[in-house]
Every structure is written in C-alpha cells, then in structure tokens.
Amino acid sequence: MKRDRLKDPSVASYAELGEYWSGQDLGEIWEETEPAQFEVEIQSERRYYPVELDLSKRIAETARKQGITSETLVNIWLKEKMDQTAA
C-alpha cells in the first residue's frame, strides 16, 4: 500500500521539500516533531564466496576501469551467466 508522503498541501514535490529542509535546523523544532513508525523491506542479501586472489585482483581492476564496484561487476557477470544457463 502506497501512502502519500507529502502530507503538507503547500509542498508540491519532493524537490521543494528537500529545498525547504536544506535551509532548516531540525534542532530548533525538535519538540514539535512526532515519532514515526515505518517498515523496511530488505530486498538484497549478502553472501560471501571465496575467490582466488589473482582473480579478485583482475575483477577489481576491470571494475575500476568500468567505473563500478567489484560487487556490481560480479553481480552483473553472475546474472548474465545464470540467464544463459537458464535459457
């Protein structure tokens, strides 16, 4: 269920809201705030797999050249391989 996160009708967008809060000091109005409750759904999970040192270095270098993290590169490659295997 999606809820309207912009409850103040005078705020038309998240950009406006961000602009407003970038110029405010929450400490000055802390007593006027109310506790918030929300749920967080974690969509990812970390698992660690051993990788040979030389291979790890090659992955890191390739990722650096592409401007992404090693984790991202490995996830891209594994997804591609899994998609090929499933086909």
PDB file of N, CA and C in Angstrom:
ATOM      1  N   MET A   1       0.839  -1.168   0.000  1.00  0.00           N
ATOM      2  CA  MET A   1       0.000   0.000   0.000  1.00  0.00           C
ATOM      3  C   MET A   1       0.891   1.240   0.000  1.00  0.00           C
ATOM      4  N   LYS A   2       0.736   2.077  -1.011  1.00  0.00           N
ATOM      5  CA  LYS A   2       1.492   3.328  -1.060  1.00  0.00           C
ATOM      6  C   LYS A   2       0.742   4.391  -0.280  1.00  0.00           C
ATOM      7  N   ARG A   3       1.496   5.185   0.447  1.00  0.00           N
ATOM      8  CA  ARG A   3       0.902   6.293   1.180  1.00  0.00           C
ATOM      9  C   ARG A   3       1.447   7.587   0.616  1.00  0.00           C
ATOM     10  N   ASP A   4       0.656   8.635   0.707  1.00  0.00           N
ATOM     11  CA  ASP A   4       1.108   9.943   0.264  1.00  0.00           C
ATOM     12  C   ASP A   4       2.119  10.465   1.277  1.00  0.00           C
ATOM     13  N   ARG A   5       3.350  10.588   0.865  1.00  0.00           N
ATOM     14  CA  ARG A   5       4.400  11.013   1.778  1.00  0.00           C
ATOM     15  C   ARG A   5       4.453  12.526   1.928  1.00  0.00           C
ATOM     16  N   LEU A   6       3.822  13.240   1.031  1.00  0.00           N
ATOM     17  CA  LEU A   6       3.805  14.699   1.110  1.00  0.00           C
ATOM     18  C   LEU A   6       2.480  15.127   1.737  1.00  0.00           C
ATOM     19  N   LYS A   7       2.439  15.144   3.049  1.00  0.00           N
ATOM     20  CA  LYS A   7       1.182  15.452   3.742  1.00  0.00           C
ATOM     21  C   LYS A   7       0.872  16.935   3.773  1.00  0.00           C
ATOM     22  N   ASP A   8       1.867  17.784   3.648  1.00  0.00           N
ATOM     23  CA  ASP A   8       1.658  19.225   3.677  1.00  0.00           C
ATOM     24  C   ASP A   8       1.218  19.667   2.279  1.00  0.00           C
ATOM     25  N   PRO A   9      -0.025  20.146   2.124  1.00  0.00           N
ATOM     26  CA  PRO A   9      -0.516  20.514   0.790  1.00  0.00           C
ATOM     27  C   PRO A   9       0.232  21.697   0.178  1.00  0.00           C
ATOM     28  N   SER A  10       0.972  22.446   0.984  1.00  0.00           N
ATOM     29  CA  SER A  10       1.708  23.583   0.417  1.00  0.00           C
ATOM     30  C   SER A  10       3.001  23.141  -0.264  1.00  0.00           C
ATOM     31  N   VAL A  11       3.354  21.872  -0.128  1.00  0.00           N
ATOM     32  CA  VAL A  11       4.577  21.344  -0.753  1.00  0.00           C
ATOM     33  C   VAL A  11       4.168  20.519  -1.966  1.00  0.00           C
ATOM     34  N   ALA A  12       4.626  20.918  -3.138  1.00  0.00           N
ATOM     35  CA  ALA A  12       4.181  20.283  -4.374  1.00  0.00           C
ATOM     36  C   ALA A  12       5.061  19.110  -4.809  1.00  0.00           C
ATOM     37  N   SER A  13       6.308  19.048  -4.328  1.00  0.00           N
ATOM     38  CA  SER A  13       7.194  17.988  -4.794  1.00  0.00           C
ATOM     39  C   SER A  13       8.250  17.666  -3.749  1.00  0.00           C
ATOM     40  N   TYR A  14       8.899  16.545  -3.926  1.00  0.00           N
ATOM     41  CA  TYR A  14       9.998  16.176  -3.032  1.00  0.00           C
ATOM     42  C   TYR A  14      11.151  17.158  -3.178  1.00  0.00           C
ATOM     43  N   ALA A  15      11.338  17.696  -4.372  1.00  0.00           N
ATOM     44  CA  ALA A  15      12.394  18.688  -4.587  1.00  0.00           C
ATOM     45  C   ALA A  15      12.140  19.929  -3.732  1.00  0.00           C
ATOM     46  N   GLU A  16      10.891  20.395  -3.727  1.00  0.00           N
ATOM     47  CA  GLU A  16      10.528  21.550  -2.891  1.00  0.00           C
ATOM     48  C   GLU A  16      10.745  21.240  -1.421  1.00  0.00           C
ATOM     49  N   LEU A  17      10.349  20.056  -1.015  1.00  0.00           N
ATOM     50  CA  LEU A  17      10.509  19.639   0.365  1.00  0.00           C
ATOM     51  C   LEU A  17      11.988  19.596   0.741  1.00  0.00           C
ATOM     52  N   GLY A  18      12.808  19.042  -0.136  1.00  0.00           N
ATOM     53  CA  GLY A  18      14.249  18.991   0.097  1.00  0.00           C
ATOM     54  C   GLY A  18      14.855  20.370   0.188  1.00  0.00           C
ATOM     55  N   GLU A  19      14.400  21.250  -0.693  1.00  0.00           N
ATOM     56  CA  GLU A  19      14.894  22.631  -0.686  1.00  0.00           C
ATOM     57  C   GLU A  19      14.538  23.319   0.633  1.00  0.00           C
ATOM     58  N   TYR A  20      13.324  23.080   1.095  1.00  0.00           N
ATOM     59  CA  TYR A  20      12.899  23.659   2.366  1.00  0.00           C
ATOM     60  C   TYR A  20      13.788  23.171   3.510  1.00  0.00           C
ATOM     61  N   TRP A  21      13.971  21.851   3.604  1.00  0.00           N
ATOM     62  CA  TRP A  21      14.712  21.300   4.736  1.00  0.00           C
ATOM     63  C   TRP A  21      16.202  21.577   4.660  1.00  0.00           C
ATOM     64  N   SER A  22      16.737  21.848   3.481  1.00  0.00           N
ATOM     65  CA  SER A  22      18.166  22.159   3.393  1.00  0.00           C
ATOM     66  C   SER A  22      18.482  23.491   4.070  1.00  0.00           C
ATOM     67  N   GLY A  23      17.469  24.331   4.284  1.00  0.00           N
ATOM     68  CA  GLY A  23      17.678  25.610   4.943  1.00  0.00           C
ATOM     69  C   GLY A  23      17.174  25.643   6.374  1.00  0.00           C
ATOM     70  N   GLN A  24      16.809  24.488   6.927  1.00  0.00           N
ATOM     71  CA  GLN A  24      16.244  24.439   8.278  1.00  0.00           C
ATOM     72  C   GLN A  24      17.189  23.740   9.243  1.00  0.00           C
ATOM     73  N   ASP A  25      16.994  24.009  10.526  1.00  0.00           N
ATOM     74  CA  ASP A  25      17.723  23.337  11.592  1.00  0.00           C
ATOM     75  C   ASP A  25      16.705  22.542  12.393  1.00  0.00           C
ATOM     76  N   LEU A  26      16.723  21.236  12.235  1.00  0.00           N
ATOM     77  CA  LEU A  26      15.749  20.383  12.906  1.00  0.00           C
ATOM     78  C   LEU A  26      15.827  20.533  14.423  1.00  0.00           C
ATOM     79  N   GLY A  27      17.005  20.840  14.920  1.00  0.00           N
ATOM     80  CA  GLY A  27      17.167  21.034  16.358  1.00  0.00           C
ATOM     81  C   GLY A  27      16.285  22.135  16.909  1.00  0.00           C
ATOM     82  N   GLU A  28      15.979  23.126  16.092  1.00  0.00           N
ATOM     83  CA  GLU A  28      15.144  24.248  16.544  1.00  0.00           C
ATOM     84  C   GLU A  28      13.675  23.876  16.703  1.00  0.00           C
ATOM     85  N   ILE A  29      13.230  22.852  16.004  1.00  0.00           N
ATOM     86  CA  ILE A  29      11.814  22.465  16.079  1.00  0.00           C
ATOM     87  C   ILE A  29      11.635  21.032  16.571  1.00  0.00           C
ATOM     88  N   TRP A  30      12.669  20.441  17.156  1.00  0.00           N
ATOM     89  CA  TRP A  30      12.632  19.044  17.577  1.00  0.00           C
ATOM     90  C   TRP A  30      11.433  18.741  18.474  1.00  0.00           C
ATOM     91  N   GLU A  31      11.103  19.650  19.374  1.00  0.00           N
ATOM     92  CA  GLU A  31       9.995  19.425  20.309  1.00  0.00           C
ATOM     93  C   GLU A  31       8.644  19.345  19.598  1.00  0.00           C
ATOM     94  N   GLU A  32       8.547  19.860  18.387  1.00  0.00           N
ATOM     95  CA  GLU A  32       7.288  19.833  17.633  1.00  0.00           C
ATOM     96  C   GLU A  32       7.130  18.551  16.818  1.00  0.00           C
ATOM     97  N   THR A  33       8.173  17.730  16.753  1.00  0.00           N
ATOM     98  CA  THR A  33       8.108  16.523  15.936  1.00  0.00           C
ATOM     99  C   THR A  33       7.408  15.396  16.671  1.00  0.00           C
ATOM    100  N   GLU A  34       6.999  14.391  15.915  1.00  0.00           N
ATOM    101  CA  GLU A  34       6.345  13.212  16.472  1.00  0.00           C
ATOM    102  C   GLU A  34       7.142  11.982  16.048  1.00  0.00           C
ATOM    103  N   PRO A  35       7.129  10.945  16.875  1.00  0.00           N
ATOM    104  CA  PRO A  35       7.818   9.705  16.477  1.00  0.00           C
ATOM    105  C   PRO A  35       7.170   9.134  15.217  1.00  0.00           C
ATOM    106  N   ALA A  36       7.983   8.538  14.375  1.00  0.00           N
ATOM    107  CA  ALA A  36       7.482   7.930  13.140  1.00  0.00           C
ATOM    108  C   ALA A  36       7.678   6.426  13.201  1.00  0.00           C
ATOM    109  N   GLN A  37       6.745   5.710  12.631  1.00  0.00           N
ATOM    110  CA  GLN A  37       6.864   4.259  12.521  1.00  0.00           C
ATOM    111  C   GLN A  37       6.762   3.900  11.053  1.00  0.00           C
ATOM    112  N   PHE A  38       7.636   2.994  10.618  1.00  0.00           N
ATOM    113  CA  PHE A  38       7.611   2.556   9.230  1.00  0.00           C
ATOM    114  C   PHE A  38       8.245   1.182   9.135  1.00  0.00           C
ATOM    115  N   GLU A  39       7.948   0.500   8.064  1.00  0.00           N
ATOM    116  CA  GLU A  39       8.504  -0.822   7.811  1.00  0.00           C
ATOM    117  C   GLU A  39       9.564  -0.712   6.741  1.00  0.00           C
ATOM    118  N   VAL A  40      10.591  -1.515   6.876  1.00  0.00           N
ATOM    119  CA  VAL A  40      11.668  -1.550   5.886  1.00  0.00           C
ATOM    120  C   VAL A  40      11.746  -2.972   5.345  1.00  0.00           C
ATOM    121  N   GLU A  41      11.689  -3.096   4.038  1.00  0.00           N
ATOM    122  CA  GLU A  41      11.824  -4.401   3.404  1.00  0.00           C
ATOM    123  C   GLU A  41      13.201  -4.481   2.769  1.00  0.00           C
ATOM    124  N   ILE A  42      14.015  -5.382   3.264  1.00  0.00           N
ATOM    125  CA  ILE A  42      15.347  -5.576   2.707  1.00  0.00           C
ATOM    126  C   ILE A  42      15.217  -6.497   1.500  1.00  0.00           C
ATOM    127  N   GLN A  43      15.642  -6.020   0.350  1.00  0.00           N
ATOM    128  CA  GLN A  43      15.497  -6.785  -0.875  1.00  0.00           C
ATOM    129  C   GLN A  43      16.756  -7.544  -1.281  1.00  0.00           C
ATOM    130  N   SER A  44      17.870  -7.258  -0.636  1.00  0.00           N
ATOM    131  CA  SER A  44      19.092  -7.938  -1.028  1.00  0.00           C
ATOM    132  C   SER A  44      19.682  -8.687   0.148  1.00  0.00           C
ATOM    133  N   GLU A  45      20.569  -9.551  -0.148  1.00  0.00           N
ATOM    134  CA  GLU A  45      21.210 -10.365   0.862  1.00  0.00           C
ATOM    135  C   GLU A  45      22.677 -10.497   0.472  1.00  0.00           C
ATOM    136  N   ARG A  46      23.536 -10.466   1.440  1.00  0.00           N
ATOM    137  CA  ARG A  46      24.961 -10.620   1.150  1.00  0.00           C
ATOM    138  C   ARG A  46      25.388 -12.029   1.524  1.00  0.00           C
ATOM    139  N   ARG A  47      26.068 -12.640   0.596  1.00  0.00           N
ATOM    140  CA  ARG A  47      26.705 -13.929   0.838  1.00  0.00           C
ATOM    141  C   ARG A  47      28.130 -13.797   0.350  1.00  0.00           C
ATOM    142  N   TYR A  48      28.998 -14.430   1.026  1.00  0.00           N
ATOM    143  CA  TYR A  48      30.407 -14.328   0.673  1.00  0.00           C
ATOM    144  C   TYR A  48      30.905 -15.652   0.127  1.00  0.00           C
ATOM    145  N   TYR A  49      31.628 -15.565  -0.994  1.00  0.00           N
ATOM    146  CA  TYR A  49      32.191 -16.732  -1.635  1.00  0.00           C
ATOM    147  C   TYR A  49      33.691 -16.500  -1.802  1.00  0.00           C
ATOM    148  N   PRO A  50      34.485 -17.507  -1.502  1.00  0.00           N
ATOM    149  CA  PRO A  50      35.932 -17.325  -1.673  1.00  0.00           C
ATOM    150  C   PRO A  50      36.284 -17.202  -3.159  1.00  0.00           C
ATOM    151  N   VAL A  51      37.197 -16.298  -3.455  1.00  0.00           N
ATOM    152  CA  VAL A  51      37.669 -16.076  -4.821  1.00  0.00           C
ATOM    153  C   VAL A  51      39.195 -16.084  -4.773  1.00  0.00           C
ATOM    154  N   GLU A  52      39.793 -16.726  -5.751  1.00  0.00           N
ATOM    155  CA  GLU A  52      41.254 -16.757  -5.813  1.00  0.00           C
ATOM    156  C   GLU A  52      41.799 -15.336  -5.834  1.00  0.00           C
ATOM    157  N   LEU A  53      42.923 -15.117  -5.181  1.00  0.00           N
ATOM    158  CA  LEU A  53      43.495 -13.784  -5.044  1.00  0.00           C
ATOM    159  C   LEU A  53      43.762 -13.129  -6.391  1.00  0.00           C
ATOM    160  N   ASP A  54      44.383 -13.852  -7.324  1.00  0.00           N
ATOM    161  CA  ASP A  54      44.679 -13.269  -8.638  1.00  0.00           C
ATOM    162  C   ASP A  54      43.399 -12.893  -9.377  1.00  0.00           C
ATOM    163  N   LEU A  55      42.375 -13.743  -9.275  1.00  0.00           N
ATOM    164  CA  LEU A  55      41.096 -13.456  -9.916  1.00  0.00           C
ATOM    165  C   LEU A  55      40.453 -12.231  -9.277  1.00  0.00           C
ATOM    166  N   SER A  56      40.531 -12.142  -7.972  1.00  0.00           N
ATOM    167  CA  SER A  56      39.974 -10.989  -7.259  1.00  0.00           C
ATOM    168  C   SER A  56      40.638  -9.691  -7.722  1.00  0.00           C
ATOM    169  N   LYS A  57      41.932  -9.726  -7.892  1.00  0.00           N
ATOM    170  CA  LYS A  57      42.659  -8.538  -8.359  1.00  0.00           C
ATOM    171  C   LYS A  57      42.226  -8.153  -9.772  1.00  0.00           C
ATOM    172  N   ARG A  58      42.036  -9.150 -10.634  1.00  0.00           N
ATOM    173  CA  ARG A  58      41.597  -8.873 -12.015  1.00  0.00           C
ATOM    174  C   ARG A  58      40.190  -8.292 -12.031  1.00  0.00           C
ATOM    175  N   ILE A  59      39.335  -8.821 -11.172  1.00  0.00           N
ATOM    176  CA  ILE A  59      37.965  -8.296 -11.073  1.00  0.00           C
ATOM    177  C   ILE A  59      38.001  -6.843 -10.627  1.00  0.00           C
ATOM    178  N   ALA A  60      38.785  -6.557  -9.594  1.00  0.00           N
ATOM    179  CA  ALA A  60      38.878  -5.193  -9.076  1.00  0.00           C
ATOM    180  C   ALA A  60      39.392  -4.228 -10.132  1.00  0.00           C
ATOM    181  N   GLU A  61      40.387  -4.641 -10.899  1.00  0.00           N
ATOM    182  CA  GLU A  61      40.950  -3.781 -11.945  1.00  0.00           C
ATOM    183  C   GLU A  61      39.929  -3.543 -13.062  1.00  0.00           C
ATOM    184  N   THR A  62      39.234  -4.583 -13.475  1.00  0.00           N
ATOM    185  CA  THR A  62      38.221  -4.447 -14.525  1.00  0.00           C
ATOM    186  C   THR A  62      37.091  -3.533 -14.056  1.00  0.00           C
ATOM    187  N   ALA A  63      36.651  -3.712 -12.825  1.00  0.00           N
ATOM    188  CA  ALA A  63      35.587  -2.868 -12.275  1.00  0.00           C
ATOM    189  C   ALA A  63      36.032  -1.418 -12.217  1.00  0.00           C
ATOM    190  N   ARG A  64      37.259  -1.183 -11.775  1.00  0.00           N
ATOM    191  CA  ARG A  64      37.781   0.188 -11.689  1.00  0.00           C
ATOM    192  C   ARG A  64      37.781   0.848 -13.059  1.00  0.00           C
ATOM    193  N   LYS A  65      38.205   0.114 -14.084  1.00  0.00           N
ATOM    194  CA  LYS A  65      38.232   0.658 -15.452  1.00  0.00           C
ATOM    195  C   LYS A  65      36.825   1.001 -15.946  1.00  0.00           C
ATOM    196  N   GLN A  66      35.834   0.245 -15.485  1.00  0.00           N
ATOM    197  CA  GLN A  66      34.449   0.489 -15.907  1.00  0.00           C
ATOM    198  C   GLN A  66      33.745   1.497 -15.004  1.00  0.00           C
ATOM    199  N   GLY A  67      34.413   1.907 -13.935  1.00  0.00           N
ATOM    200  CA  GLY A  67      33.825   2.901 -13.039  1.00  0.00           C
ATOM    201  C   GLY A  67      32.728   2.366 -12.139  1.00  0.00           C
ATOM    202  N   ILE A  68      32.802   1.065 -11.835  1.00  0.00           N
ATOM    203  CA  ILE A  68      31.812   0.451 -10.956  1.00  0.00           C
ATOM    204  C   ILE A  68      32.538  -0.319  -9.857  1.00  0.00           C
ATOM    205  N   THR A  69      31.802  -0.749  -8.853  1.00  0.00           N
ATOM    206  CA  THR A  69      32.419  -1.528  -7.791  1.00  0.00           C
ATOM    207  C   THR A  69      32.617  -2.972  -8.237  1.00  0.00           C
ATOM    208  N   SER A  70      33.528  -3.647  -7.568  1.00  0.00           N
ATOM    209  CA  SER A  70      33.748  -5.068  -7.854  1.00  0.00           C
ATOM    210  C   SER A  70      32.477  -5.863  -7.614  1.00  0.00           C
ATOM    211  N   GLU A  71      31.744  -5.522  -6.543  1.00  0.00           N
ATOM    212  CA  GLU A  71      30.491  -6.222  -6.240  1.00  0.00           C
ATOM    213  C   GLU A  71      29.494  -6.095  -7.386  1.00  0.00           C
ATOM    214  N   THR A  72      29.380  -4.888  -7.924  1.00  0.00           N
ATOM    215  CA  THR A  72      28.445  -4.662  -9.033  1.00  0.00           C
ATOM    216  C   THR A  72      28.858  -5.476 -10.249  1.00  0.00           C
ATOM    217  N   LEU A  73      30.141  -5.454 -10.574  1.00  0.00           N
ATOM    218  CA  LEU A  73      30.638  -6.197 -11.731  1.00  0.00           C
ATOM    219  C   LEU A  73      30.372  -7.689 -11.575  1.00  0.00           C
ATOM    220  N   VAL A  74      30.690  -8.231 -10.410  1.00  0.00           N
ATOM    221  CA  VAL A  74      30.475  -9.658 -10.177  1.00  0.00           C
ATOM    222  C   VAL A  74      28.986  -9.989 -10.277  1.00  0.00           C
ATOM    223  N   ASN A  75      28.114  -9.143  -9.725  1.00  0.00           N
ATOM    224  CA  ASN A  75      26.676  -9.386  -9.834  1.00  0.00           C
ATOM    225  C   ASN A  75      26.195  -9.354 -11.276  1.00  0.00           C
ATOM    226  N   ILE A  76      26.710  -8.414 -12.061  1.00  0.00           N
ATOM    227  CA  ILE A  76      26.333  -8.343 -13.485  1.00  0.00           C
ATOM    228  C   ILE A  76      26.753  -9.618 -14.197  1.00  0.00           C
ATOM    229  N   TRP A  77      28.004 -10.013 -14.011  1.00  0.00           N
ATOM    230  CA  TRP A  77      28.516 -11.213 -14.679  1.00  0.00           C
ATOM    231  C   TRP A  77      27.764 -12.468 -14.245  1.00  0.00           C
ATOM    232  N   LEU A  78      27.510 -12.610 -12.952  1.00  0.00           N
ATOM    233  CA  LEU A  78      26.803 -13.795 -12.477  1.00  0.00           C
ATOM    234  C   LEU A  78      25.375 -13.846 -13.007  1.00  0.00           C
ATOM    235  N   LYS A  79      24.713 -12.689 -13.046  1.00  0.00           N
ATOM    236  CA  LYS A  79      23.350 -12.664 -13.582  1.00  0.00           C
ATOM    237  C   LYS A  79      23.354 -13.058 -15.057  1.00  0.00           C
ATOM    238  N   GLU A  80      24.305 -12.513 -15.829  1.00  0.00           N
ATOM    239  CA  GLU A  80      24.398 -12.884 -17.240  1.00  0.00           C
ATOM    240  C   GLU A  80      24.598 -14.384 -17.402  1.00  0.00           C
ATOM    241  N   LYS A  81      25.498 -14.952 -16.617  1.00  0.00           N
ATOM    242  CA  LYS A  81      25.788 -16.376 -16.713  1.00  0.00           C
ATOM    243  C   LYS A  81      24.575 -17.211 -16.303  1.00  0.00           C
ATOM    244  N   MET A  82      23.889 -16.811 -15.245  1.00  0.00           N
ATOM    245  CA  MET A  82      22.710 -17.535 -14.796  1.00  0.00           C
ATOM    246  C   MET A  82      21.596 -17.452 -15.830  1.00  0.00           C
ATOM    247  N   ASP A  83      21.435 -16.296 -16.467  1.00  0.00           N
ATOM    248  CA  ASP A  83      20.422 -16.144 -17.521  1.00  0.00           C
ATOM    249  C   ASP A  83      20.742 -17.056 -18.708  1.00  0.00           C
ATOM    250  N   GLN A  84      22.022 -17.146 -19.061  1.00  0.00           N
ATOM    251  CA  GLN A  84      22.447 -18.032 -20.162  1.00  0.00           C
ATOM    252  C   GLN A  84      22.183 -19.494 -19.804  1.00  0.00           C
ATOM    253  N   THR A  85      22.465 -19.850 -18.581  1.00  0.00           N
ATOM    254  CA  THR A  85      22.291 -21.223 -18.134  1.00  0.00           C
ATOM    255  C   THR A  85      20.822 -21.617 -18.111  1.00  0.00           C
ATOM    256  N   ALA A  86      19.965 -20.676 -17.741  1.00  0.00           N
ATOM    257  CA  ALA A  86      18.532 -20.939 -17.661  1.00  0.00           C
ATOM    258  C   ALA A  86      17.897 -21.054 -19.040  1.00  0.00           C
ATOM    259  N   ALA A  87      18.518 -20.474 -20.042  1.00  0.00           N
ATOM    260  CA  ALA A  87      17.937 -20.464 -21.400  1.00  0.00           C
ATOM    261  C   ALA A  87      18.066 -21.810 -22.085  1.00  0.00           C
TER     262      ALA A  87
END
